[in-house]
């Protein structure tokens, strides 16, 4: 979990440099493979929309259709090839607002809506996801982002 959060901040920093991490590239490949349900190496509109949702992009049908038009996707079959999917999703990941991502991730950890991520929050989440972390590791996670020494990380402590 510590590595997840630290990796998340590193991903935000990379995005500011306009490059995807190897993990993001792998995630794009896995999403394409997973949602290419008929294994024809193309995604239908519906497969594409579900893949986008799985990657964290909630989009309405008119927005998806406009995006396909903007990328000049005019395959006669109405399907999206891997190359097009990769280009679109790469651009979307690079254009995603890092502040929004930080807030979204913070809220996942701040499960009691206190505005802070505490040792107790992390312990509960680690237990829920089956992550066996020691108390020392959990406390180290808090200390990594606790800028004012109050034993908790606040959203402004996580800025990049």
C-alpha atoms as a PDB file:
ATOM      1  CA  UNK A   1       0.000   0.000   0.000  1.00  0.00           C
ATOM      2  CA  UNK A   2       2.912   2.326   0.768  1.00  0.00           C
ATOM      3  CA  UNK A   3       4.327   1.580  -2.636  1.00  0.00           C
ATOM      4  CA  UNK A   4       0.925   2.180  -4.229  1.00  0.00           C
ATOM      5  CA  UNK A   5       0.616   5.672  -2.784  1.00  0.00           C
ATOM      6  CA  UNK A   6       4.256   6.602  -3.419  1.00  0.00           C
ATOM      7  CA  UNK A   7       3.944   5.188  -6.932  1.00  0.00           C
ATOM      8  CA  UNK A   8       0.777   7.190  -7.434  1.00  0.00           C
ATOM      9  CA  UNK A   9       2.590  10.447  -6.598  1.00  0.00           C
ATOM     10  CA  UNK A  10       5.456   9.428  -8.909  1.00  0.00           C
ATOM     11  CA  UNK A  11       2.922   8.799 -11.694  1.00  0.00           C
ATOM     12  CA  UNK A  12       1.568  12.327 -11.226  1.00  0.00           C
ATOM     13  CA  UNK A  13       5.068  13.750 -11.526  1.00  0.00           C
ATOM     14  CA  UNK A  14       5.707  11.729 -14.708  1.00  0.00           C
ATOM     15  CA  UNK A  15       2.504  13.035 -16.246  1.00  0.00           C
ATOM     16  CA  UNK A  16       3.772  16.560 -15.756  1.00  0.00           C
ATOM     17  CA  UNK A  17       6.730  15.491 -17.937  1.00  0.00           C
ATOM     18  CA  UNK A  18       4.307  14.070 -20.559  1.00  0.00           C
ATOM     19  CA  UNK A  19       5.291  10.416 -20.390  1.00  0.00           C
ATOM     20  CA  UNK A  20       3.516   7.291 -19.251  1.00  0.00           C
ATOM     21  CA  UNK A  21       4.979   4.969 -16.680  1.00  0.00           C
ATOM     22  CA  UNK A  22       5.658   1.361 -17.651  1.00  0.00           C
ATOM     23  CA  UNK A  23       2.763   0.443 -15.341  1.00  0.00           C
ATOM     24  CA  UNK A  24       0.384   2.750 -17.205  1.00  0.00           C
ATOM     25  CA  UNK A  25       1.483   1.297 -20.540  1.00  0.00           C
ATOM     26  CA  UNK A  26       0.876  -2.191 -19.180  1.00  0.00           C
ATOM     27  CA  UNK A  27      -2.523  -1.118 -17.846  1.00  0.00           C
ATOM     28  CA  UNK A  28      -3.523   0.077 -21.333  1.00  0.00           C
ATOM     29  CA  UNK A  29      -2.478  -3.274 -22.844  1.00  0.00           C
ATOM     30  CA  UNK A  30      -4.317  -5.232 -20.177  1.00  0.00           C
ATOM     31  CA  UNK A  31      -7.478  -3.166 -20.592  1.00  0.00           C
ATOM     32  CA  UNK A  32      -7.471  -3.730 -24.345  1.00  0.00           C
ATOM     33  CA  UNK A  33      -6.914  -7.468 -23.962  1.00  0.00           C
ATOM     34  CA  UNK A  34      -9.504  -7.817 -21.218  1.00  0.00           C
ATOM     35  CA  UNK A  35     -12.277  -5.944 -22.995  1.00  0.00           C
ATOM     36  CA  UNK A  36     -11.625  -7.347 -26.458  1.00  0.00           C
ATOM     37  CA  UNK A  37     -14.153 -10.009 -25.537  1.00  0.00           C
ATOM     38  CA  UNK A  38     -14.381 -11.629 -28.963  1.00  0.00           C
ATOM     39  CA  UNK A  39     -10.562 -11.578 -29.302  1.00  0.00           C
ATOM     40  CA  UNK A  40     -10.571 -10.018 -32.766  1.00  0.00           C
ATOM     41  CA  UNK A  41      -7.892  -7.454 -31.787  1.00  0.00           C
ATOM     42  CA  UNK A  42     -10.444  -4.669 -32.088  1.00  0.00           C
ATOM     43  CA  UNK A  43     -12.857  -3.061 -29.659  1.00  0.00           C
ATOM     44  CA  UNK A  44     -16.475  -2.381 -30.443  1.00  0.00           C
ATOM     45  CA  UNK A  45     -17.940   0.888 -29.222  1.00  0.00           C
ATOM     46  CA  UNK A  46     -19.311  -0.888 -26.136  1.00  0.00           C
ATOM     47  CA  UNK A  47     -16.048  -2.700 -25.396  1.00  0.00           C
ATOM     48  CA  UNK A  48     -14.238   0.625 -25.758  1.00  0.00           C
ATOM     49  CA  UNK A  49     -16.620   2.426 -23.415  1.00  0.00           C
ATOM     50  CA  UNK A  50     -16.274  -0.294 -20.752  1.00  0.00           C
ATOM     51  CA  UNK A  51     -12.473  -0.253 -21.111  1.00  0.00           C
ATOM     52  CA  UNK A  52     -12.464   3.525 -20.608  1.00  0.00           C
ATOM     53  CA  UNK A  53     -14.594   3.152 -17.486  1.00  0.00           C
ATOM     54  CA  UNK A  54     -12.218   0.498 -16.125  1.00  0.00           C
ATOM     55  CA  UNK A  55      -9.337   2.913 -16.678  1.00  0.00           C
ATOM     56  CA  UNK A  56     -11.149   5.588 -14.664  1.00  0.00           C
ATOM     57  CA  UNK A  57     -12.786   7.578 -17.451  1.00  0.00           C
ATOM     58  CA  UNK A  58     -16.544   7.966 -17.118  1.00  0.00           C
ATOM     59  CA  UNK A  59     -17.825   9.320 -20.409  1.00  0.00           C
ATOM     60  CA  UNK A  60     -21.266   9.728 -21.906  1.00  0.00           C
ATOM     61  CA  UNK A  61     -22.030   8.307 -25.349  1.00  0.00           C
ATOM     62  CA  UNK A  62     -21.950  11.674 -27.189  1.00  0.00           C
ATOM     63  CA  UNK A  63     -18.521  12.419 -25.691  1.00  0.00           C
ATOM     64  CA  UNK A  64     -17.140   9.036 -26.729  1.00  0.00           C
ATOM     65  CA  UNK A  65     -18.511   9.438 -30.246  1.00  0.00           C
ATOM     66  CA  UNK A  66     -17.048  12.949 -30.524  1.00  0.00           C
ATOM     67  CA  UNK A  67     -13.688  11.688 -29.330  1.00  0.00           C
ATOM     68  CA  UNK A  68     -13.694   8.947 -31.961  1.00  0.00           C
ATOM     69  CA  UNK A  69     -14.548  11.574 -34.560  1.00  0.00           C
ATOM     70  CA  UNK A  70     -11.776  13.874 -33.272  1.00  0.00           C
ATOM     71  CA  UNK A  71      -9.277  11.037 -33.690  1.00  0.00           C
ATOM     72  CA  UNK A  72     -10.629  10.400 -37.184  1.00  0.00           C
ATOM     73  CA  UNK A  73     -11.593   6.818 -36.370  1.00  0.00           C
ATOM     74  CA  UNK A  74     -13.628   5.758 -39.368  1.00  0.00           C
ATOM     75  CA  UNK A  75     -13.073   2.030 -39.507  1.00  0.00           C
ATOM     76  CA  UNK A  76     -15.788   0.565 -41.715  1.00  0.00           C
ATOM     77  CA  UNK A  77     -16.427  -2.157 -39.146  1.00  0.00           C
ATOM     78  CA  UNK A  78     -17.061   0.489 -36.505  1.00  0.00           C
ATOM     79  CA  UNK A  79     -14.322  -1.021 -34.383  1.00  0.00           C
ATOM     80  CA  UNK A  80     -11.250   0.441 -32.754  1.00  0.00           C
ATOM     81  CA  UNK A  81      -7.856  -1.125 -33.492  1.00  0.00           C
ATOM     82  CA  UNK A  82      -5.158  -1.494 -30.827  1.00  0.00           C
ATOM     83  CA  UNK A  83      -3.093   1.358 -32.281  1.00  0.00           C
ATOM     84  CA  UNK A  84      -6.024   3.766 -32.089  1.00  0.00           C
ATOM     85  CA  UNK A  85      -6.997   2.628 -28.590  1.00  0.00           C
ATOM     86  CA  UNK A  86      -3.425   3.055 -27.379  1.00  0.00           C
ATOM     87  CA  UNK A  87      -3.150   6.558 -28.872  1.00  0.00           C
ATOM     88  CA  UNK A  88      -6.476   7.724 -27.438  1.00  0.00           C
ATOM     89  CA  UNK A  89      -5.950   6.312 -23.949  1.00  0.00           C
ATOM     90  CA  UNK A  90      -2.342   7.533 -23.802  1.00  0.00           C
ATOM     91  CA  UNK A  91      -3.500  11.049 -24.630  1.00  0.00           C
ATOM     92  CA  UNK A  92      -6.314  10.812 -22.084  1.00  0.00           C
ATOM     93  CA  UNK A  93      -3.962   9.661 -19.329  1.00  0.00           C
ATOM     94  CA  UNK A  94      -1.486  12.424 -20.116  1.00  0.00           C
ATOM     95  CA  UNK A  95      -4.219  15.074 -20.176  1.00  0.00           C
ATOM     96  CA  UNK A  96      -5.871  13.932 -16.951  1.00  0.00           C
ATOM     97  CA  UNK A  97      -5.729  16.606 -14.267  1.00  0.00           C
ATOM     98  CA  UNK A  98      -3.247  15.433 -11.616  1.00  0.00           C
ATOM     99  CA  UNK A  99      -5.023  17.402  -8.891  1.00  0.00           C
ATOM    100  CA  UNK A 100      -8.254  15.537  -9.561  1.00  0.00           C
ATOM    101  CA  UNK A 101      -6.409  12.222  -9.355  1.00  0.00           C
ATOM    102  CA  UNK A 102      -4.757  13.163  -6.074  1.00  0.00           C
ATOM    103  CA  UNK A 103      -8.097  14.173  -4.563  1.00  0.00           C
ATOM    104  CA  UNK A 104      -9.768  10.973  -5.802  1.00  0.00           C
ATOM    105  CA  UNK A 105      -7.002   8.781  -4.356  1.00  0.00           C
ATOM    106  CA  UNK A 106      -6.998  10.739  -1.102  1.00  0.00           C
ATOM    107  CA  UNK A 107     -10.743  10.234  -0.684  1.00  0.00           C
ATOM    108  CA  UNK A 108     -10.336   6.481  -1.142  1.00  0.00           C
ATOM    109  CA  UNK A 109      -7.988   6.391   1.830  1.00  0.00           C
ATOM    110  CA  UNK A 110      -9.940   8.962   3.892  1.00  0.00           C
ATOM    111  CA  UNK A 111     -12.802   6.537   4.430  1.00  0.00           C
ATOM    112  CA  UNK A 112     -14.230   8.440   7.415  1.00  0.00           C
ATOM    113  CA  UNK A 113     -14.333  11.802   5.556  1.00  0.00           C
ATOM    114  CA  UNK A 114     -12.231  13.490   8.228  1.00  0.00           C
ATOM    115  CA  UNK A 115     -10.035  15.304   5.722  1.00  0.00           C
ATOM    116  CA  UNK A 116      -7.073  13.288   6.999  1.00  0.00           C
ATOM    117  CA  UNK A 117      -5.514   9.911   6.355  1.00  0.00           C
ATOM    118  CA  UNK A 118      -4.570   8.434   9.701  1.00  0.00           C
ATOM    119  CA  UNK A 119      -2.894   5.252  10.828  1.00  0.00           C
ATOM    120  CA  UNK A 120      -6.369   3.925  11.645  1.00  0.00           C
ATOM    121  CA  UNK A 121      -7.584   4.644   8.069  1.00  0.00           C
ATOM    122  CA  UNK A 122      -4.621   2.809   6.575  1.00  0.00           C
ATOM    123  CA  UNK A 123      -4.918  -0.134   8.965  1.00  0.00           C
ATOM    124  CA  UNK A 124      -8.601  -0.561   8.098  1.00  0.00           C
ATOM    125  CA  UNK A 125      -7.997  -0.385   4.354  1.00  0.00           C
ATOM    126  CA  UNK A 126      -5.026  -2.762   4.545  1.00  0.00           C
ATOM    127  CA  UNK A 127      -7.203  -5.264   6.399  1.00  0.00           C
ATOM    128  CA  UNK A 128     -10.064  -4.883   3.901  1.00  0.00           C
ATOM    129  CA  UNK A 129      -7.869  -5.565   0.887  1.00  0.00           C
ATOM    130  CA  UNK A 130      -5.900  -8.328   2.590  1.00  0.00           C
ATOM    131  CA  UNK A 131      -2.613  -6.435   2.601  1.00  0.00           C
ATOM    132  CA  UNK A 132      -0.381  -7.730   5.415  1.00  0.00           C
ATOM    133  CA  UNK A 133       1.512  -4.620   6.497  1.00  0.00           C
ATOM    134  CA  UNK A 134       3.154  -4.161   9.868  1.00  0.00           C
ATOM    135  CA  UNK A 135       2.273  -1.270  12.154  1.00  0.00           C
ATOM    136  CA  UNK A 136       5.730   0.122  11.417  1.00  0.00           C
ATOM    137  CA  UNK A 137       5.071   0.097   7.657  1.00  0.00           C
ATOM    138  CA  UNK A 138       1.693   1.783   8.104  1.00  0.00           C
ATOM    139  CA  UNK A 139       3.179   4.470  10.337  1.00  0.00           C
ATOM    140  CA  UNK A 140       5.989   5.018   7.815  1.00  0.00           C
ATOM    141  CA  UNK A 141       3.367   5.688   5.154  1.00  0.00           C
ATOM    142  CA  UNK A 142       1.800   8.400   7.288  1.00  0.00           C
ATOM    143  CA  UNK A 143       5.179   9.922   8.155  1.00  0.00           C
ATOM    144  CA  UNK A 144       6.118  10.083   4.464  1.00  0.00           C
ATOM    145  CA  UNK A 145       3.343  12.603   3.786  1.00  0.00           C
ATOM    146  CA  UNK A 146       2.733  14.138   7.229  1.00  0.00           C
ATOM    147  CA  UNK A 147       4.169  17.607   6.723  1.00  0.00           C
ATOM    148  CA  UNK A 148       3.090  19.144  10.044  1.00  0.00           C
ATOM    149  CA  UNK A 149       3.844  16.204  12.341  1.00  0.00           C
ATOM    150  CA  UNK A 150       0.291  15.699  13.617  1.00  0.00           C
ATOM    151  CA  UNK A 151       0.247  11.976  12.806  1.00  0.00           C
ATOM    152  CA  UNK A 152      -2.002  12.308   9.772  1.00  0.00           C
ATOM    153  CA  UNK A 153      -1.682  13.199   6.122  1.00  0.00           C
ATOM    154  CA  UNK A 154      -3.976  15.890   4.788  1.00  0.00           C
ATOM    155  CA  UNK A 155      -4.784  16.571   1.164  1.00  0.00           C
ATOM    156  CA  UNK A 156      -2.395  19.522   0.969  1.00  0.00           C
ATOM    157  CA  UNK A 157       0.358  17.256   2.369  1.00  0.00           C
ATOM    158  CA  UNK A 158       0.073  15.145  -0.801  1.00  0.00           C
ATOM    159  CA  UNK A 159       0.682  17.921  -3.312  1.00  0.00           C
ATOM    160  CA  UNK A 160       3.241  17.327  -6.008  1.00  0.00           C
END
